[in-house]
PDB file of N, CA and C in Angstrom:
ATOM      1  N   MET A   1      -6.557   4.438 -42.713  1.00  0.00           N
ATOM      2  CA  MET A   1      -5.567   4.021 -41.734  1.00  0.00           C
ATOM      3  C   MET A   1      -5.416   5.066 -40.624  1.00  0.00           C
ATOM      4  N   GLY A   2      -5.691   6.330 -40.933  1.00  0.00           N
ATOM      5  CA  GLY A   2      -5.570   7.410 -39.953  1.00  0.00           C
ATOM      6  C   GLY A   2      -6.529   7.246 -38.797  1.00  0.00           C
ATOM      7  N   LEU A   3      -7.755   6.815 -39.058  1.00  0.00           N
ATOM      8  CA  LEU A   3      -8.750   6.620 -38.015  1.00  0.00           C
ATOM      9  C   LEU A   3      -8.331   5.493 -37.070  1.00  0.00           C
ATOM     10  N   GLN A   4      -7.774   4.436 -37.633  1.00  0.00           N
ATOM     11  CA  GLN A   4      -7.315   3.308 -36.822  1.00  0.00           C
ATOM     12  C   GLN A   4      -6.152   3.733 -35.926  1.00  0.00           C
ATOM     13  N   ASN A   5      -5.215   4.514 -36.464  1.00  0.00           N
ATOM     14  CA  ASN A   5      -4.085   4.990 -35.657  1.00  0.00           C
ATOM     15  C   ASN A   5      -4.567   5.881 -34.522  1.00  0.00           C
ATOM     16  N   ALA A   6      -5.548   6.732 -34.807  1.00  0.00           N
ATOM     17  CA  ALA A   6      -6.092   7.614 -33.765  1.00  0.00           C
ATOM     18  C   ALA A   6      -6.754   6.789 -32.659  1.00  0.00           C
ATOM     19  N   TYR A   7      -7.438   5.728 -33.050  1.00  0.00           N
ATOM     20  CA  TYR A   7      -8.102   4.862 -32.077  1.00  0.00           C
ATOM     21  C   TYR A   7      -7.073   4.191 -31.165  1.00  0.00           C
ATOM     22  N   PHE A   8      -6.009   3.638 -31.757  1.00  0.00           N
ATOM     23  CA  PHE A   8      -4.975   2.975 -30.958  1.00  0.00           C
ATOM     24  C   PHE A   8      -4.232   3.974 -30.081  1.00  0.00           C
ATOM     25  N   LYS A   9      -4.047   5.166 -30.568  1.00  0.00           N
ATOM     26  CA  LYS A   9      -3.397   6.205 -29.767  1.00  0.00           C
ATOM     27  C   LYS A   9      -4.255   6.523 -28.547  1.00  0.00           C
ATOM     28  N   LYS A  10      -5.564   6.627 -28.763  1.00  0.00           N
ATOM     29  CA  LYS A  10      -6.480   6.906 -27.652  1.00  0.00           C
ATOM     30  C   LYS A  10      -6.456   5.758 -26.634  1.00  0.00           C
ATOM     31  N   LEU A  11      -6.404   4.517 -27.102  1.00  0.00           N
ATOM     32  CA  LEU A  11      -6.332   3.367 -26.198  1.00  0.00           C
ATOM     33  C   LEU A  11      -5.050   3.394 -25.361  1.00  0.00           C
ATOM     34  N   ARG A  12      -3.946   3.739 -25.984  1.00  0.00           N
ATOM     35  CA  ARG A  12      -2.667   3.822 -25.257  1.00  0.00           C
ATOM     36  C   ARG A  12      -2.727   4.908 -24.183  1.00  0.00           C
ATOM     37  N   GLU A  13      -3.344   6.027 -24.491  1.00  0.00           N
ATOM     38  CA  GLU A  13      -3.481   7.108 -23.520  1.00  0.00           C
ATOM     39  C   GLU A  13      -4.373   6.690 -22.351  1.00  0.00           C
ATOM     40  N   ARG A  14      -5.471   6.003 -22.659  1.00  0.00           N
ATOM     41  CA  ARG A  14      -6.379   5.547 -21.606  1.00  0.00           C
ATOM     42  C   ARG A  14      -5.716   4.526 -20.703  1.00  0.00           C
ATOM     43  N   ALA A  15      -4.829   3.717 -21.249  1.00  0.00           N
ATOM     44  CA  ALA A  15      -4.149   2.689 -20.459  1.00  0.00           C
ATOM     45  C   ALA A  15      -3.248   3.310 -19.397  1.00  0.00           C
ATOM     46  N   LYS A  16      -2.800   4.520 -19.605  1.00  0.00           N
ATOM     47  CA  LYS A  16      -1.925   5.204 -18.644  1.00  0.00           C
ATOM     48  C   LYS A  16      -2.694   5.722 -17.437  1.00  0.00           C
ATOM     49  N   THR A  17      -3.996   5.853 -17.562  1.00  0.00           N
ATOM     50  CA  THR A  17      -4.830   6.385 -16.496  1.00  0.00           C
ATOM     51  C   THR A  17      -5.131   5.289 -15.478  1.00  0.00           C
ATOM     52  N   SER A  18      -4.904   5.609 -14.207  1.00  0.00           N
ATOM     53  CA  SER A  18      -5.157   4.653 -13.141  1.00  0.00           C
ATOM     54  C   SER A  18      -6.656   4.536 -12.885  1.00  0.00           C
ATOM     55  N   ARG A  19      -7.107   3.318 -12.703  1.00  0.00           N
ATOM     56  CA  ARG A  19      -8.506   3.065 -12.377  1.00  0.00           C
ATOM     57  C   ARG A  19      -8.581   2.241 -11.098  1.00  0.00           C
ATOM     58  N   VAL A  20      -9.503   2.595 -10.249  1.00  0.00           N
ATOM     59  CA  VAL A  20      -9.688   1.896  -8.987  1.00  0.00           C
ATOM     60  C   VAL A  20     -11.025   1.179  -9.047  1.00  0.00           C
ATOM     61  N   TYR A  21     -11.009  -0.121  -8.811  1.00  0.00           N
ATOM     62  CA  TYR A  21     -12.226  -0.922  -8.893  1.00  0.00           C
ATOM     63  C   TYR A  21     -12.714  -1.407  -7.535  1.00  0.00           C
ATOM     64  N   VAL A  22     -11.798  -1.605  -6.593  1.00  0.00           N
ATOM     65  CA  VAL A  22     -12.188  -2.077  -5.271  1.00  0.00           C
ATOM     66  C   VAL A  22     -11.502  -1.229  -4.201  1.00  0.00           C
ATOM     67  N   ASN A  23     -12.042  -1.276  -2.991  1.00  0.00           N
ATOM     68  CA  ASN A  23     -11.586  -0.403  -1.916  1.00  0.00           C
ATOM     69  C   ASN A  23     -10.108  -0.583  -1.572  1.00  0.00           C
ATOM     70  N   TYR A  24      -9.617  -1.815  -1.541  1.00  0.00           N
ATOM     71  CA  TYR A  24      -8.214  -2.017  -1.154  1.00  0.00           C
ATOM     72  C   TYR A  24      -7.256  -1.366  -2.149  1.00  0.00           C
ATOM     73  N   GLN A  25      -7.662  -1.233  -3.404  1.00  0.00           N
ATOM     74  CA  GLN A  25      -6.817  -0.538  -4.375  1.00  0.00           C
ATOM     75  C   GLN A  25      -6.686   0.934  -3.999  1.00  0.00           C
ATOM     76  N   LEU A  26      -7.793   1.532  -3.629  1.00  0.00           N
ATOM     77  CA  LEU A  26      -7.776   2.936  -3.211  1.00  0.00           C
ATOM     78  C   LEU A  26      -6.929   3.109  -1.959  1.00  0.00           C
ATOM     79  N   GLU A  27      -7.080   2.211  -1.006  1.00  0.00           N
ATOM     80  CA  GLU A  27      -6.292   2.276   0.232  1.00  0.00           C
ATOM     81  C   GLU A  27      -4.794   2.162  -0.078  1.00  0.00           C
ATOM     82  N   GLY A  28      -4.434   1.211  -0.931  1.00  0.00           N
ATOM     83  CA  GLY A  28      -3.029   1.036  -1.296  1.00  0.00           C
ATOM     84  C   GLY A  28      -2.458   2.253  -1.992  1.00  0.00           C
ATOM     85  N   LEU A  29      -3.229   2.849  -2.882  1.00  0.00           N
ATOM     86  CA  LEU A  29      -2.778   4.059  -3.566  1.00  0.00           C
ATOM     87  C   LEU A  29      -2.627   5.222  -2.596  1.00  0.00           C
ATOM     88  N   GLU A  30      -3.521   5.304  -1.628  1.00  0.00           N
ATOM     89  CA  GLU A  30      -3.432   6.364  -0.620  1.00  0.00           C
ATOM     90  C   GLU A  30      -2.193   6.179   0.254  1.00  0.00           C
ATOM     91  N   ILE A  31      -1.878   4.946   0.607  1.00  0.00           N
ATOM     92  CA  ILE A  31      -0.673   4.669   1.394  1.00  0.00           C
ATOM     93  C   ILE A  31       0.563   5.079   0.607  1.00  0.00           C
ATOM     94  N   ALA A  32       0.611   4.717  -0.664  1.00  0.00           N
ATOM     95  CA  ALA A  32       1.755   5.093  -1.511  1.00  0.00           C
ATOM     96  C   ALA A  32       1.896   6.610  -1.588  1.00  0.00           C
ATOM     97  N   ARG A  33       0.763   7.304  -1.704  1.00  0.00           N
ATOM     98  CA  ARG A  33       0.795   8.768  -1.779  1.00  0.00           C
ATOM     99  C   ARG A  33       1.295   9.369  -0.470  1.00  0.00           C
ATOM    100  N   LEU A  34       0.794   8.853   0.659  1.00  0.00           N
ATOM    101  CA  LEU A  34       1.217   9.358   1.963  1.00  0.00           C
ATOM    102  C   LEU A  34       2.722   9.216   2.161  1.00  0.00           C
ATOM    103  N   LEU A  35       3.251   8.084   1.718  1.00  0.00           N
ATOM    104  CA  LEU A  35       4.673   7.801   1.908  1.00  0.00           C
ATOM    105  C   LEU A  35       5.552   8.427   0.820  1.00  0.00           C
ATOM    106  N   GLY A  36       4.919   8.993  -0.205  1.00  0.00           N
ATOM    107  CA  GLY A  36       5.685   9.556  -1.316  1.00  0.00           C
ATOM    108  C   GLY A  36       6.411   8.469  -2.088  1.00  0.00           C
ATOM    109  N   ASP A  37       5.783   7.304  -2.208  1.00  0.00           N
ATOM    110  CA  ASP A  37       6.421   6.133  -2.819  1.00  0.00           C
ATOM    111  C   ASP A  37       5.486   5.512  -3.863  1.00  0.00           C
ATOM    112  N   GLU A  38       5.042   6.337  -4.810  1.00  0.00           N
ATOM    113  CA  GLU A  38       4.131   5.859  -5.848  1.00  0.00           C
ATOM    114  C   GLU A  38       4.771   4.793  -6.736  1.00  0.00           C
ATOM    115  N   GLU A  39       6.092   4.756  -6.760  1.00  0.00           N
ATOM    116  CA  GLU A  39       6.808   3.760  -7.564  1.00  0.00           C
ATOM    117  C   GLU A  39       6.464   2.333  -7.120  1.00  0.00           C
ATOM    118  N   HIS A  40       6.154   2.163  -5.839  1.00  0.00           N
ATOM    119  CA  HIS A  40       5.853   0.839  -5.291  1.00  0.00           C
ATOM    120  C   HIS A  40       4.372   0.691  -4.933  1.00  0.00           C
ATOM    121  N   LYS A  41       3.505   1.372  -5.662  1.00  0.00           N
ATOM    122  CA  LYS A  41       2.078   1.361  -5.336  1.00  0.00           C
ATOM    123  C   LYS A  41       1.475  -0.039  -5.369  1.00  0.00           C
ATOM    124  N   SER A  42       1.957  -0.907  -6.248  1.00  0.00           N
ATOM    125  CA  SER A  42       1.396  -2.263  -6.312  1.00  0.00           C
ATOM    126  C   SER A  42       1.681  -3.040  -5.021  1.00  0.00           C
ATOM    127  N   LEU A  43       2.813  -2.773  -4.388  1.00  0.00           N
ATOM    128  CA  LEU A  43       3.130  -3.410  -3.114  1.00  0.00           C
ATOM    129  C   LEU A  43       2.127  -2.977  -2.048  1.00  0.00           C
ATOM    130  N   TYR A  44       1.839  -1.691  -1.980  1.00  0.00           N
ATOM    131  CA  TYR A  44       0.908  -1.187  -0.978  1.00  0.00           C
ATOM    132  C   TYR A  44      -0.519  -1.664  -1.247  1.00  0.00           C
ATOM    133  N   ILE A  45      -0.876  -1.812  -2.512  1.00  0.00           N
ATOM    134  CA  ILE A  45      -2.195  -2.348  -2.851  1.00  0.00           C
ATOM    135  C   ILE A  45      -2.288  -3.800  -2.371  1.00  0.00           C
ATOM    136  N   LYS A  46      -1.231  -4.562  -2.581  1.00  0.00           N
ATOM    137  CA  LYS A  46      -1.213  -5.966  -2.137  1.00  0.00           C
ATOM    138  C   LYS A  46      -1.305  -6.049  -0.612  1.00  0.00           C
ATOM    139  N   LEU A  47      -0.560  -5.196   0.084  1.00  0.00           N
ATOM    140  CA  LEU A  47      -0.611  -5.193   1.546  1.00  0.00           C
ATOM    141  C   LEU A  47      -2.017  -4.841   2.041  1.00  0.00           C
ATOM    142  N   ALA A  48      -2.649  -3.866   1.384  1.00  0.00           N
ATOM    143  CA  ALA A  48      -4.005  -3.463   1.774  1.00  0.00           C
ATOM    144  C   ALA A  48      -5.003  -4.581   1.501  1.00  0.00           C
ATOM    145  N   LYS A  49      -4.767  -5.342   0.449  1.00  0.00           N
ATOM    146  CA  LYS A  49      -5.663  -6.448   0.121  1.00  0.00           C
ATOM    147  C   LYS A  49      -5.537  -7.569   1.149  1.00  0.00           C
ATOM    148  N   GLU A  50      -4.325  -7.855   1.567  1.00  0.00           N
ATOM    149  CA  GLU A  50      -4.073  -8.999   2.435  1.00  0.00           C
ATOM    150  C   GLU A  50      -4.167  -8.688   3.925  1.00  0.00           C
ATOM    151  N   GLY A  51      -4.117  -7.398   4.275  1.00  0.00           N
ATOM    152  CA  GLY A  51      -4.103  -7.050   5.693  1.00  0.00           C
ATOM    153  C   GLY A  51      -5.191  -6.066   6.048  1.00  0.00           C
ATOM    154  N   ASP A  52      -5.020  -5.448   7.191  1.00  0.00           N
ATOM    155  CA  ASP A  52      -5.957  -4.448   7.693  1.00  0.00           C
ATOM    156  C   ASP A  52      -5.583  -3.100   7.078  1.00  0.00           C
ATOM    157  N   ALA A  53      -6.306  -2.699   6.043  1.00  0.00           N
ATOM    158  CA  ALA A  53      -5.980  -1.488   5.292  1.00  0.00           C
ATOM    159  C   ALA A  53      -6.031  -0.245   6.167  1.00  0.00           C
ATOM    160  N   ARG A  54      -6.969  -0.190   7.083  1.00  0.00           N
ATOM    161  CA  ARG A  54      -7.073   0.985   7.962  1.00  0.00           C
ATOM    162  C   ARG A  54      -5.850   1.113   8.858  1.00  0.00           C
ATOM    163  N   GLU A  55      -5.411  -0.010   9.404  1.00  0.00           N
ATOM    164  CA  GLU A  55      -4.224  -0.005  10.262  1.00  0.00           C
ATOM    165  C   GLU A  55      -2.996   0.391   9.448  1.00  0.00           C
ATOM    166  N   LEU A  56      -2.885  -0.143   8.248  1.00  0.00           N
ATOM    167  CA  LEU A  56      -1.751   0.207   7.386  1.00  0.00           C
ATOM    168  C   LEU A  56      -1.751   1.700   7.080  1.00  0.00           C
ATOM    169  N   ARG A  57      -2.913   2.245   6.803  1.00  0.00           N
ATOM    170  CA  ARG A  57      -3.000   3.668   6.495  1.00  0.00           C
ATOM    171  C   ARG A  57      -2.680   4.520   7.720  1.00  0.00           C
ATOM    172  N   ARG A  58      -3.073   4.047   8.889  1.00  0.00           N
ATOM    173  CA  ARG A  58      -2.748   4.767  10.122  1.00  0.00           C
ATOM    174  C   ARG A  58      -1.234   4.828  10.327  1.00  0.00           C
ATOM    175  N   ILE A  59      -0.567   3.693  10.127  1.00  0.00           N
ATOM    176  CA  ILE A  59       0.889   3.634  10.270  1.00  0.00           C
ATOM    177  C   ILE A  59       1.549   4.534   9.220  1.00  0.00           C
ATOM    178  N   ALA A  60       1.064   4.465   7.992  1.00  0.00           N
ATOM    179  CA  ALA A  60       1.618   5.300   6.920  1.00  0.00           C
ATOM    180  C   ALA A  60       1.449   6.781   7.249  1.00  0.00           C
ATOM    181  N   GLY A  61       0.319   7.151   7.840  1.00  0.00           N
ATOM    182  CA  GLY A  61       0.087   8.537   8.225  1.00  0.00           C
ATOM    183  C   GLY A  61       1.082   9.003   9.275  1.00  0.00           C
ATOM    184  N   GLU A  62       1.373   8.130  10.241  1.00  0.00           N
ATOM    185  CA  GLU A  62       2.362   8.462  11.268  1.00  0.00           C
ATOM    186  C   GLU A  62       3.740   8.644  10.657  1.00  0.00           C
ATOM    187  N   VAL A  63       4.107   7.735   9.752  1.00  0.00           N
ATOM    188  CA  VAL A  63       5.418   7.815   9.105  1.00  0.00           C
ATOM    189  C   VAL A  63       5.496   9.072   8.241  1.00  0.00           C
ATOM    190  N   ALA A  64       4.419   9.400   7.556  1.00  0.00           N
ATOM    191  CA  ALA A  64       4.398  10.567   6.673  1.00  0.00           C
ATOM    192  C   ALA A  64       4.658  11.860   7.441  1.00  0.00           C
ATOM    193  N   GLU A  65       4.243  11.912   8.699  1.00  0.00           N
ATOM    194  CA  GLU A  65       4.431  13.115   9.514  1.00  0.00           C
ATOM    195  C   GLU A  65       5.843  13.251  10.059  1.00  0.00           C
ATOM    196  N   MET A  66       6.638  12.204   9.979  1.00  0.00           N
ATOM    197  CA  MET A  66       8.006  12.236  10.502  1.00  0.00           C
ATOM    198  C   MET A  66       8.922  12.964   9.516  1.00  0.00           C
ATOM    199  N   ASN A  67       9.489  14.067   9.962  1.00  0.00           N
ATOM    200  CA  ASN A  67      10.355  14.864   9.096  1.00  0.00           C
ATOM    201  C   ASN A  67      11.783  14.329   9.019  1.00  0.00           C
ATOM    202  N   ASN A  68      12.188  13.536   9.993  1.00  0.00           N
ATOM    203  CA  ASN A  68      13.567  13.053  10.040  1.00  0.00           C
ATOM    204  C   ASN A  68      13.770  11.713   9.332  1.00  0.00           C
ATOM    205  N   VAL A  69      12.768  11.209   8.635  1.00  0.00           N
ATOM    206  CA  VAL A  69      12.874   9.937   7.916  1.00  0.00           C
ATOM    207  C   VAL A  69      13.098  10.228   6.442  1.00  0.00           C
ATOM    208  N   GLU A  70      14.218   9.737   5.927  1.00  0.00           N
ATOM    209  CA  GLU A  70      14.569   9.998   4.530  1.00  0.00           C
ATOM    210  C   GLU A  70      13.773   9.125   3.565  1.00  0.00           C
ATOM    211  N   ASN A  71      13.714   7.825   3.832  1.00  0.00           N
ATOM    212  CA  ASN A  71      13.001   6.896   2.961  1.00  0.00           C
ATOM    213  C   ASN A  71      11.788   6.368   3.723  1.00  0.00           C
ATOM    214  N   LYS A  72      10.676   7.050   3.574  1.00  0.00           N
ATOM    215  CA  LYS A  72       9.479   6.735   4.359  1.00  0.00           C
ATOM    216  C   LYS A  72       8.893   5.375   4.003  1.00  0.00           C
ATOM    217  N   GLY A  73       9.016   4.973   2.748  1.00  0.00           N
ATOM    218  CA  GLY A  73       8.529   3.666   2.341  1.00  0.00           C
ATOM    219  C   GLY A  73       9.282   2.541   3.038  1.00  0.00           C
ATOM    220  N   ALA A  74      10.600   2.665   3.086  1.00  0.00           N
ATOM    221  CA  ALA A  74      11.421   1.646   3.743  1.00  0.00           C
ATOM    222  C   ALA A  74      11.158   1.622   5.243  1.00  0.00           C
ATOM    223  N   TYR A  75      11.000   2.785   5.841  1.00  0.00           N
ATOM    224  CA  TYR A  75      10.731   2.848   7.279  1.00  0.00           C
ATOM    225  C   TYR A  75       9.364   2.227   7.589  1.00  0.00           C
ATOM    226  N   PHE A  76       8.380   2.501   6.749  1.00  0.00           N
ATOM    227  CA  PHE A  76       7.053   1.908   6.893  1.00  0.00           C
ATOM    228  C   PHE A  76       7.153   0.383   6.875  1.00  0.00           C
ATOM    229  N   MET A  77       7.903  -0.156   5.919  1.00  0.00           N
ATOM    230  CA  MET A  77       8.041  -1.604   5.816  1.00  0.00           C
ATOM    231  C   MET A  77       8.769  -2.177   7.036  1.00  0.00           C
ATOM    232  N   THR A  78       9.739  -1.440   7.579  1.00  0.00           N
ATOM    233  CA  THR A  78      10.439  -1.876   8.789  1.00  0.00           C
ATOM    234  C   THR A  78       9.471  -1.957   9.961  1.00  0.00           C
ATOM    235  N   LEU A  79       8.643  -0.923  10.120  1.00  0.00           N
ATOM    236  CA  LEU A  79       7.656  -0.941  11.199  1.00  0.00           C
ATOM    237  C   LEU A  79       6.676  -2.096  11.026  1.00  0.00           C
ATOM    238  N   LEU A  80       6.286  -2.341   9.803  1.00  0.00           N
ATOM    239  CA  LEU A  80       5.355  -3.429   9.513  1.00  0.00           C
ATOM    240  C   LEU A  80       5.975  -4.782   9.861  1.00  0.00           C
ATOM    241  N   ALA A  81       7.228  -4.969   9.500  1.00  0.00           N
ATOM    242  CA  ALA A  81       7.925  -6.224   9.803  1.00  0.00           C
ATOM    243  C   ALA A  81       8.052  -6.422  11.310  1.00  0.00           C
ATOM    244  N   ARG A  82       8.328  -5.351  12.031  1.00  0.00           N
ATOM    245  CA  ARG A  82       8.441  -5.445  13.496  1.00  0.00           C
ATOM    246  C   ARG A  82       7.110  -5.852  14.115  1.00  0.00           C
ATOM    247  N   ARG A  83       6.020  -5.294  13.607  1.00  0.00           N
ATOM    248  CA  ARG A  83       4.699  -5.631  14.147  1.00  0.00           C
ATOM    249  C   ARG A  83       4.358  -7.094  13.900  1.00  0.00           C
ATOM    250  N   LYS A  84       4.741  -7.608  12.742  1.00  0.00           N
ATOM    251  CA  LYS A  84       4.441  -9.005  12.414  1.00  0.00           C
ATOM    252  C   LYS A  84       5.296  -9.972  13.212  1.00  0.00           C
ATOM    253  N   SER A  85       6.508  -9.550  13.600  1.00  0.00           N
ATOM    254  CA  SER A  85       7.406 -10.453  14.315  1.00  0.00           C
ATOM    255  C   SER A  85       7.136 -10.465  15.816  1.00  0.00           C
ATOM    256  N   ARG A  86       6.333  -9.511  16.299  1.00  0.00           N
ATOM    257  CA  ARG A  86       6.001  -9.493  17.725  1.00  0.00           C
ATOM    258  C   ARG A  86       5.151 -10.697  18.082  1.00  0.00           C
ATOM    259  N   PRO A  87       5.374 -11.259  19.259  1.00  0.00           N
ATOM    260  CA  PRO A  87       4.515 -12.382  19.682  1.00  0.00           C
ATOM    261  C   PRO A  87       3.080 -11.911  19.844  1.00  0.00           C
ATOM    262  N   SER A  88       2.186 -12.815  19.632  1.00  0.00           N
ATOM    263  CA  SER A  88       0.761 -12.515  19.741  1.00  0.00           C
ATOM    264  C   SER A  88       0.417 -12.165  21.179  1.00  0.00           C
ATOM    265  N   SER A  89      -0.518 -11.247  21.350  1.00  0.00           N
ATOM    266  CA  SER A  89      -0.936 -10.857  22.701  1.00  0.00           C
ATOM    267  C   SER A  89      -2.083 -11.727  23.203  1.00  0.00           C
ATOM    268  N   LYS A  90      -2.421 -12.783  22.447  1.00  0.00           N
ATOM    269  CA  LYS A  90      -3.490 -13.677  22.865  1.00  0.00           C
ATOM    270  C   LYS A  90      -3.033 -14.472  24.087  1.00  0.00           C
ATOM    271  N   PRO A  91      -3.919 -14.662  25.052  1.00  0.00           N
ATOM    272  CA  PRO A  91      -3.535 -15.449  26.230  1.00  0.00           C
ATOM    273  C   PRO A  91      -3.265 -16.897  25.832  1.00  0.00           C
ATOM    274  N   GLN A  92      -2.249 -17.454  26.428  1.00  0.00           N
ATOM    275  CA  GLN A  92      -1.887 -18.841  26.151  1.00  0.00           C
ATOM    276  C   GLN A  92      -2.721 -19.766  27.015  1.00  0.00           C
ATOM    277  N   ALA A  93      -3.074 -20.889  26.435  1.00  0.00           N
ATOM    278  CA  ALA A  93      -3.825 -21.902  27.192  1.00  0.00           C
ATOM    279  C   ALA A  93      -2.915 -22.489  28.265  1.00  0.00           C
ATOM    280  N   PRO A  94      -3.464 -22.797  29.425  1.00  0.00           N
ATOM    281  CA  PRO A  94      -2.625 -23.395  30.472  1.00  0.00           C
ATOM    282  C   PRO A  94      -2.079 -24.743  30.017  1.00  0.00           C
ATOM    283  N   ASN A  95      -0.885 -25.044  30.460  1.00  0.00           N
ATOM    284  CA  ASN A  95      -0.203 -26.282  30.086  1.00  0.00           C
ATOM    285  C   ASN A  95      -0.482 -27.336  31.136  1.00  0.00           C
ATOM    286  N   HIS A  96      -1.494 -28.186  30.892  1.00  0.00           N
ATOM    287  CA  HIS A  96      -1.842 -29.248  31.841  1.00  0.00           C
ATOM    288  C   HIS A  96      -1.156 -30.539  31.445  1.00  0.00           C
ATOM    289  N   LYS A  97      -0.591 -31.217  32.422  1.00  0.00           N
ATOM    290  CA  LYS A  97       0.079 -32.484  32.149  1.00  0.00           C
ATOM    291  C   LYS A  97      -0.659 -33.619  32.772  1.00  0.00           C
TER     292      LYS A  97
END
């Protein structure tokens, strides 16, 4: 029984180790690290998967350099929401009647 317990103990320890399988996971983890918000790493991984990971990381880098921001994760999300709510810069088709 001792060998079996040691095996399960090793499995539990391995489960605690983070593994990265695809690029967006790495990007999301890097964003969480930059913002000091590892608690919400799954959110950043999802954002990196669904959006432009490079742009997200650029924004996170800018926020990370700001010394006057107390909650960098929340500020990052605010900036992201503002960018999404901005009207598109695509030219509008002329309105012919």
